[in-house]
Amino acid sequence: DPDSERVLMEFQKPQYNHDAGPMAFG
């Protein structure tokens, strides 16, 4: 459901790169 989005975290980025990638549940 594309309308089910709930934003958890936002990281303001000064440059376009070094954005990391995947996450993981421990």
PDB file of all heavy atoms in Angstrom:
ATOM      1  N   ASP A   1       0.845  -1.187   0.000  1.00  0.00           N
ATOM      2  CA  ASP A   1       0.000   0.000   0.000  1.00  0.00           C
ATOM      3  C   ASP A   1       0.883   1.240   0.000  1.00  0.00           C
ATOM      4  O   ASP A   1       1.516   1.564   1.011  1.00  0.00           O
ATOM      5  CB  ASP A   1      -0.901  -0.006   1.234  1.00  0.00           C
ATOM      6  CG  ASP A   1      -1.809   1.209   1.306  1.00  0.00           C
ATOM      7  OD1 ASP A   1      -1.794   2.019   0.363  1.00  0.00           O
ATOM      8  OD2 ASP A   1      -2.527   1.341   2.314  1.00  0.00           O
ATOM      9  N   PRO A   2       0.952   1.991  -1.108  1.00  0.00           N
ATOM     10  CA  PRO A   2       1.822   3.171  -1.144  1.00  0.00           C
ATOM     11  C   PRO A   2       1.363   4.285  -0.220  1.00  0.00           C
ATOM     12  O   PRO A   2       2.155   5.181   0.121  1.00  0.00           O
ATOM     13  CB  PRO A   2       1.758   3.602  -2.612  1.00  0.00           C
ATOM     14  CG  PRO A   2       0.473   3.054  -3.120  1.00  0.00           C
ATOM     15  CD  PRO A   2       0.245   1.770  -2.381  1.00  0.00           C
ATOM     16  N   ASP A   3       0.091   4.247   0.212  1.00  0.00           N
ATOM     17  CA  ASP A   3      -0.426   5.286   1.106  1.00  0.00           C
ATOM     18  C   ASP A   3      -0.213   4.961   2.580  1.00  0.00           C
ATOM     19  O   ASP A   3      -0.641   5.724   3.446  1.00  0.00           O
ATOM     20  CB  ASP A   3      -1.921   5.497   0.846  1.00  0.00           C
ATOM     21  CG  ASP A   3      -2.196   6.017  -0.546  1.00  0.00           C
ATOM     22  OD1 ASP A   3      -1.364   6.776  -1.070  1.00  0.00           O
ATOM     23  OD2 ASP A   3      -3.236   5.640  -1.132  1.00  0.00           O
ATOM     24  N   SER A   4       0.454   3.835   2.841  1.00  0.00           N
ATOM     25  CA  SER A   4       0.650   3.420   4.232  1.00  0.00           C
ATOM     26  C   SER A   4       1.935   3.966   4.837  1.00  0.00           C
ATOM     27  O   SER A   4       2.289   3.608   5.959  1.00  0.00           O
ATOM     28  CB  SER A   4       0.664   1.889   4.319  1.00  0.00           C
ATOM     29  OG  SER A   4       1.775   1.349   3.602  1.00  0.00           O
ATOM     30  N   GLU A   5       2.636   4.832   4.135  1.00  0.00           N
ATOM     31  CA  GLU A   5       3.941   5.300   4.596  1.00  0.00           C
ATOM     32  C   GLU A   5       3.850   6.014   5.944  1.00  0.00           C
ATOM     33  O   GLU A   5       2.982   6.859   6.169  1.00  0.00           O
ATOM     34  CB  GLU A   5       4.583   6.243   3.581  1.00  0.00           C
ATOM     35  CG  GLU A   5       5.953   6.735   4.023  1.00  0.00           C
ATOM     36  CD  GLU A   5       6.659   7.586   2.981  1.00  0.00           C
ATOM     37  OE1 GLU A   5       5.986   8.023   2.019  1.00  0.00           O
ATOM     38  OE2 GLU A   5       7.866   7.812   3.122  1.00  0.00           O
ATOM     39  N   ARG A   6       4.764   5.659   6.832  1.00  0.00           N
ATOM     40  CA  ARG A   6       4.939   6.339   8.111  1.00  0.00           C
ATOM     41  C   ARG A   6       6.427   6.656   8.240  1.00  0.00           C
ATOM     42  O   ARG A   6       7.256   5.764   8.386  1.00  0.00           O
ATOM     43  CB  ARG A   6       4.473   5.453   9.268  1.00  0.00           C
ATOM     44  CG  ARG A   6       4.543   6.145  10.632  1.00  0.00           C
ATOM     45  CD  ARG A   6       3.862   5.290  11.706  1.00  0.00           C
ATOM     46  NE  ARG A   6       4.611   4.085  12.009  1.00  0.00           N
ATOM     47  CZ  ARG A   6       5.502   3.972  13.010  1.00  0.00           C
ATOM     48  NH1 ARG A   6       5.745   5.018  13.792  1.00  0.00           N
ATOM     49  NH2 ARG A   6       6.116   2.831  13.235  1.00  0.00           N
ATOM     50  N   VAL A   7       6.783   7.932   8.149  1.00  0.00           N
ATOM     51  CA  VAL A   7       8.187   8.346   8.198  1.00  0.00           C
ATOM     52  C   VAL A   7       8.726   8.178   9.613  1.00  0.00           C
ATOM     53  O   VAL A   7       8.141   8.673  10.581  1.00  0.00           O
ATOM     54  CB  VAL A   7       8.345   9.803   7.734  1.00  0.00           C
ATOM     55  CG1 VAL A   7       9.790  10.263   7.897  1.00  0.00           C
ATOM     56  CG2 VAL A   7       7.907   9.946   6.273  1.00  0.00           C
ATOM     57  N   LEU A   8       9.857   7.495   9.727  1.00  0.00           N
ATOM     58  CA  LEU A   8      10.493   7.269  11.026  1.00  0.00           C
ATOM     59  C   LEU A   8      11.682   8.199  11.263  1.00  0.00           C
ATOM     60  O   LEU A   8      11.807   8.804  12.317  1.00  0.00           O
ATOM     61  CB  LEU A   8      10.962   5.815  11.133  1.00  0.00           C
ATOM     62  CG  LEU A   8       9.897   4.722  11.043  1.00  0.00           C
ATOM     63  CD1 LEU A   8      10.543   3.361  11.188  1.00  0.00           C
ATOM     64  CD2 LEU A   8       8.829   4.923  12.107  1.00  0.00           C
ATOM     65  N   MET A   9      12.579   8.275  10.280  1.00  0.00           N
ATOM     66  CA  MET A   9      13.804   9.053  10.457  1.00  0.00           C
ATOM     67  C   MET A   9      14.056   9.887   9.206  1.00  0.00           C
ATOM     68  O   MET A   9      13.776   9.442   8.087  1.00  0.00           O
ATOM     69  CB  MET A   9      15.019   8.137  10.714  1.00  0.00           C
ATOM     70  CG  MET A   9      14.866   7.190  11.878  1.00  0.00           C
ATOM     71  SD  MET A   9      16.370   6.190  12.167  1.00  0.00           S
ATOM     72  CE  MET A   9      17.412   7.389  13.016  1.00  0.00           C
ATOM     73  N   GLU A  10      14.622  11.082   9.409  1.00  0.00           N
ATOM     74  CA  GLU A  10      15.065  11.922   8.317  1.00  0.00           C
ATOM     75  C   GLU A  10      16.478  12.416   8.618  1.00  0.00           C
ATOM     76  O   GLU A  10      16.755  12.889   9.721  1.00  0.00           O
ATOM     77  CB  GLU A  10      14.131  13.118   8.113  1.00  0.00           C
ATOM     78  CG  GLU A  10      12.756  12.740   7.586  1.00  0.00           C
ATOM     79  CD  GLU A  10      11.918  13.965   7.254  1.00  0.00           C
ATOM     80  OE1 GLU A  10      12.250  15.065   7.764  1.00  0.00           O
ATOM     81  OE2 GLU A  10      10.951  13.832   6.487  1.00  0.00           O
ATOM     82  N   PHE A  11      17.352  12.278   7.631  1.00  0.00           N
ATOM     83  CA  PHE A  11      18.736  12.721   7.755  1.00  0.00           C
ATOM     84  C   PHE A  11      18.964  13.823   6.725  1.00  0.00           C
ATOM     85  O   PHE A  11      18.936  13.558   5.519  1.00  0.00           O
ATOM     86  CB  PHE A  11      19.717  11.571   7.489  1.00  0.00           C
ATOM     87  CG  PHE A  11      19.527  10.357   8.365  1.00  0.00           C
ATOM     88  CD1 PHE A  11      18.550   9.413   8.079  1.00  0.00           C
ATOM     89  CD2 PHE A  11      20.340  10.155   9.468  1.00  0.00           C
ATOM     90  CE1 PHE A  11      18.385   8.291   8.870  1.00  0.00           C
ATOM     91  CE2 PHE A  11      20.180   9.035  10.270  1.00  0.00           C
ATOM     92  CZ  PHE A  11      19.197   8.102   9.977  1.00  0.00           C
ATOM     93  N   GLN A  12      19.167  15.037   7.174  1.00  0.00           N
ATOM     94  CA  GLN A  12      19.462  16.128   6.255  1.00  0.00           C
ATOM     95  C   GLN A  12      20.891  15.962   5.727  1.00  0.00           C
ATOM     96  O   GLN A  12      21.841  15.844   6.492  1.00  0.00           O
ATOM     97  CB  GLN A  12      19.305  17.476   6.965  1.00  0.00           C
ATOM     98  CG  GLN A  12      17.922  17.741   7.522  1.00  0.00           C
ATOM     99  CD  GLN A  12      16.883  17.920   6.423  1.00  0.00           C
ATOM    100  OE1 GLN A  12      17.210  18.209   5.269  1.00  0.00           O
ATOM    101  NE2 GLN A  12      15.610  17.762   6.780  1.00  0.00           N
ATOM    102  N   LYS A  13      21.016  15.967   4.393  1.00  0.00           N
ATOM    103  CA  LYS A  13      22.315  15.673   3.772  1.00  0.00           C
ATOM    104  C   LYS A  13      22.870  16.893   3.046  1.00  0.00           C
ATOM    105  O   LYS A  13      22.249  17.427   2.133  1.00  0.00           O
ATOM    106  CB  LYS A  13      22.176  14.507   2.784  1.00  0.00           C
ATOM    107  CG  LYS A  13      21.872  13.166   3.412  1.00  0.00           C
ATOM    108  CD  LYS A  13      22.975  12.707   4.353  1.00  0.00           C
ATOM    109  CE  LYS A  13      24.312  12.571   3.652  1.00  0.00           C
ATOM    110  NZ  LYS A  13      24.343  11.589   2.580  1.00  0.00           N
ATOM    111  N   PRO A  14      24.073  17.329   3.414  1.00  0.00           N
ATOM    112  CA  PRO A  14      24.664  18.490   2.740  1.00  0.00           C
ATOM    113  C   PRO A  14      25.134  18.202   1.319  1.00  0.00           C
ATOM    114  O   PRO A  14      25.046  19.061   0.449  1.00  0.00           O
ATOM    115  CB  PRO A  14      25.841  18.858   3.648  1.00  0.00           C
ATOM    116  CG  PRO A  14      26.152  17.607   4.407  1.00  0.00           C
ATOM    117  CD  PRO A  14      24.854  16.882   4.572  1.00  0.00           C
ATOM    118  N   GLN A  15      25.673  16.981   1.073  1.00  0.00           N
ATOM    119  CA  GLN A  15      26.122  16.609  -0.267  1.00  0.00           C
ATOM    120  C   GLN A  15      25.326  15.391  -0.770  1.00  0.00           C
ATOM    121  O   GLN A  15      24.655  14.712  -0.002  1.00  0.00           O
ATOM    122  CB  GLN A  15      27.620  16.295  -0.277  1.00  0.00           C
ATOM    123  CG  GLN A  15      28.506  17.546  -0.226  1.00  0.00           C
ATOM    124  CD  GLN A  15      28.736  18.029   1.194  1.00  0.00           C
ATOM    125  OE1 GLN A  15      28.953  17.239   2.107  1.00  0.00           O
ATOM    126  NE2 GLN A  15      28.698  19.336   1.390  1.00  0.00           N
ATOM    127  N   TYR A  16      25.464  15.122  -2.062  1.00  0.00           N
ATOM    128  CA  TYR A  16      24.628  14.083  -2.664  1.00  0.00           C
ATOM    129  C   TYR A  16      25.102  12.670  -2.354  1.00  0.00           C
ATOM    130  O   TYR A  16      24.342  11.712  -2.516  1.00  0.00           O
ATOM    131  CB  TYR A  16      24.588  14.256  -4.189  1.00  0.00           C
ATOM    132  CG  TYR A  16      25.801  13.696  -4.904  1.00  0.00           C
ATOM    133  CD1 TYR A  16      25.766  12.431  -5.499  1.00  0.00           C
ATOM    134  CD2 TYR A  16      26.999  14.399  -4.962  1.00  0.00           C
ATOM    135  CE1 TYR A  16      26.875  11.907  -6.132  1.00  0.00           C
ATOM    136  CE2 TYR A  16      28.096  13.885  -5.591  1.00  0.00           C
ATOM    137  CZ  TYR A  16      28.036  12.641  -6.182  1.00  0.00           C
ATOM    138  OH  TYR A  16      29.144  12.114  -6.799  1.00  0.00           O
ATOM    139  N   ASN A  17      26.341  12.501  -1.912  1.00  0.00           N
ATOM    140  CA  ASN A  17      26.901  11.154  -1.775  1.00  0.00           C
ATOM    141  C   ASN A  17      27.039  10.751  -0.306  1.00  0.00           C
ATOM    142  O   ASN A  17      26.627  11.469   0.595  1.00  0.00           O
ATOM    143  CB  ASN A  17      28.242  11.044  -2.509  1.00  0.00           C
ATOM    144  CG  ASN A  17      29.254  12.080  -2.036  1.00  0.00           C
ATOM    145  OD1 ASN A  17      28.930  13.006  -1.310  1.00  0.00           O
ATOM    146  ND2 ASN A  17      30.487  11.915  -2.455  1.00  0.00           N
ATOM    147  N   HIS A  18      27.585   9.545  -0.088  1.00  0.00           N
ATOM    148  CA  HIS A  18      27.742   8.955   1.251  1.00  0.00           C
ATOM    149  C   HIS A  18      26.378   8.801   1.918  1.00  0.00           C
ATOM    150  O   HIS A  18      26.172   9.238   3.052  1.00  0.00           O
ATOM    151  CB  HIS A  18      28.680   9.786   2.132  1.00  0.00           C
ATOM    152  CG  HIS A  18      30.065   9.906   1.596  1.00  0.00           C
ATOM    153  ND1 HIS A  18      31.090  10.468   2.306  1.00  0.00           N
ATOM    154  CD2 HIS A  18      30.608   9.541   0.409  1.00  0.00           C
ATOM    155  CE1 HIS A  18      32.196  10.449   1.581  1.00  0.00           C
ATOM    156  NE2 HIS A  18      31.915   9.880   0.421  1.00  0.00           N
ATOM    157  N   ASP A  19      25.470   8.159   1.232  1.00  0.00           N
ATOM    158  CA  ASP A  19      24.099   8.000   1.721  1.00  0.00           C
ATOM    159  C   ASP A  19      23.853   6.663   2.398  1.00  0.00           C
ATOM    160  O   ASP A  19      22.733   6.395   2.838  1.00  0.00           O
ATOM    161  CB  ASP A  19      23.123   8.152   0.547  1.00  0.00           C
ATOM    162  CG  ASP A  19      23.252   9.500  -0.127  1.00  0.00           C
ATOM    163  OD1 ASP A  19      23.409  10.508   0.586  1.00  0.00           O
ATOM    164  OD2 ASP A  19      23.223   9.553  -1.374  1.00  0.00           O
ATOM    165  N   ALA A  20      24.893   5.791   2.482  1.00  0.00           N
ATOM    166  CA  ALA A  20      24.728   4.425   2.988  1.00  0.00           C
ATOM    167  C   ALA A  20      23.706   3.688   2.131  1.00  0.00           C
ATOM    168  O   ALA A  20      23.431   4.086   1.006  1.00  0.00           O
ATOM    169  CB  ALA A  20      24.369   4.421   4.467  1.00  0.00           C
ATOM    170  N   GLY A  21      23.127   2.596   2.644  1.00  0.00           N
ATOM    171  CA  GLY A  21      22.218   1.806   1.827  1.00  0.00           C
ATOM    172  C   GLY A  21      21.306   0.925   2.642  1.00  0.00           C
ATOM    173  O   GLY A  21      20.397   1.417   3.322  1.00  0.00           O
ATOM    174  N   PRO A  22      21.528  -0.400   2.600  1.00  0.00           N
ATOM    175  CA  PRO A  22      20.645  -1.323   3.311  1.00  0.00           C
ATOM    176  C   PRO A  22      20.627  -1.108   4.816  1.00  0.00           C
ATOM    177  O   PRO A  22      21.541  -0.522   5.403  1.00  0.00           O
ATOM    178  CB  PRO A  22      21.241  -2.696   2.959  1.00  0.00           C
ATOM    179  CG  PRO A  22      21.950  -2.489   1.671  1.00  0.00           C
ATOM    180  CD  PRO A  22      22.508  -1.102   1.751  1.00  0.00           C
ATOM    181  N   MET A  23      19.538  -1.603   5.422  1.00  0.00           N
ATOM    182  CA  MET A  23      19.378  -1.649   6.879  1.00  0.00           C
ATOM    183  C   MET A  23      19.323  -3.129   7.272  1.00  0.00           C
ATOM    184  O   MET A  23      19.339  -4.008   6.417  1.00  0.00           O
ATOM    185  CB  MET A  23      18.096  -0.936   7.288  1.00  0.00           C
ATOM    186  CG  MET A  23      17.986   0.484   6.760  1.00  0.00           C
ATOM    187  SD  MET A  23      16.292   1.139   6.872  1.00  0.00           S
ATOM    188  CE  MET A  23      15.448   0.158   5.620  1.00  0.00           C
ATOM    189  N   ALA A  24      19.226  -3.406   8.574  1.00  0.00           N
ATOM    190  CA  ALA A  24      19.141  -4.802   9.019  1.00  0.00           C
ATOM    191  C   ALA A  24      18.458  -4.891  10.370  1.00  0.00           C
ATOM    192  O   ALA A  24      18.720  -4.068  11.263  1.00  0.00           O
ATOM    193  CB  ALA A  24      20.537  -5.425   9.106  1.00  0.00           C
ATOM    194  N   PHE A  25      17.576  -5.878  10.519  1.00  0.00           N
ATOM    195  CA  PHE A  25      17.055  -6.222  11.838  1.00  0.00           C
ATOM    196  C   PHE A  25      18.039  -7.157  12.517  1.00  0.00           C
ATOM    197  O   PHE A  25      18.532  -8.125  11.916  1.00  0.00           O
ATOM    198  CB  PHE A  25      15.691  -6.902  11.728  1.00  0.00           C
ATOM    199  CG  PHE A  25      14.541  -5.940  11.704  1.00  0.00           C
ATOM    200  CD1 PHE A  25      13.928  -5.616  10.506  1.00  0.00           C
ATOM    201  CD2 PHE A  25      14.078  -5.346  12.872  1.00  0.00           C
ATOM    202  CE1 PHE A  25      12.876  -4.727  10.470  1.00  0.00           C
ATOM    203  CE2 PHE A  25      13.023  -4.449  12.845  1.00  0.00           C
ATOM    204  CZ  PHE A  25      12.417  -4.131  11.638  1.00  0.00           C
ATOM    205  N   GLY A  26      18.334  -6.857  13.778  1.00  0.00           N
ATOM    206  CA  GLY A  26      19.216  -7.716  14.537  1.00  0.00           C
ATOM    207  C   GLY A  26      18.465  -8.841  15.213  1.00  0.00           C
ATOM    208  O   GLY A  26      17.230  -8.863  15.247  1.00  0.00           O
TER     209      GLY A  26
END
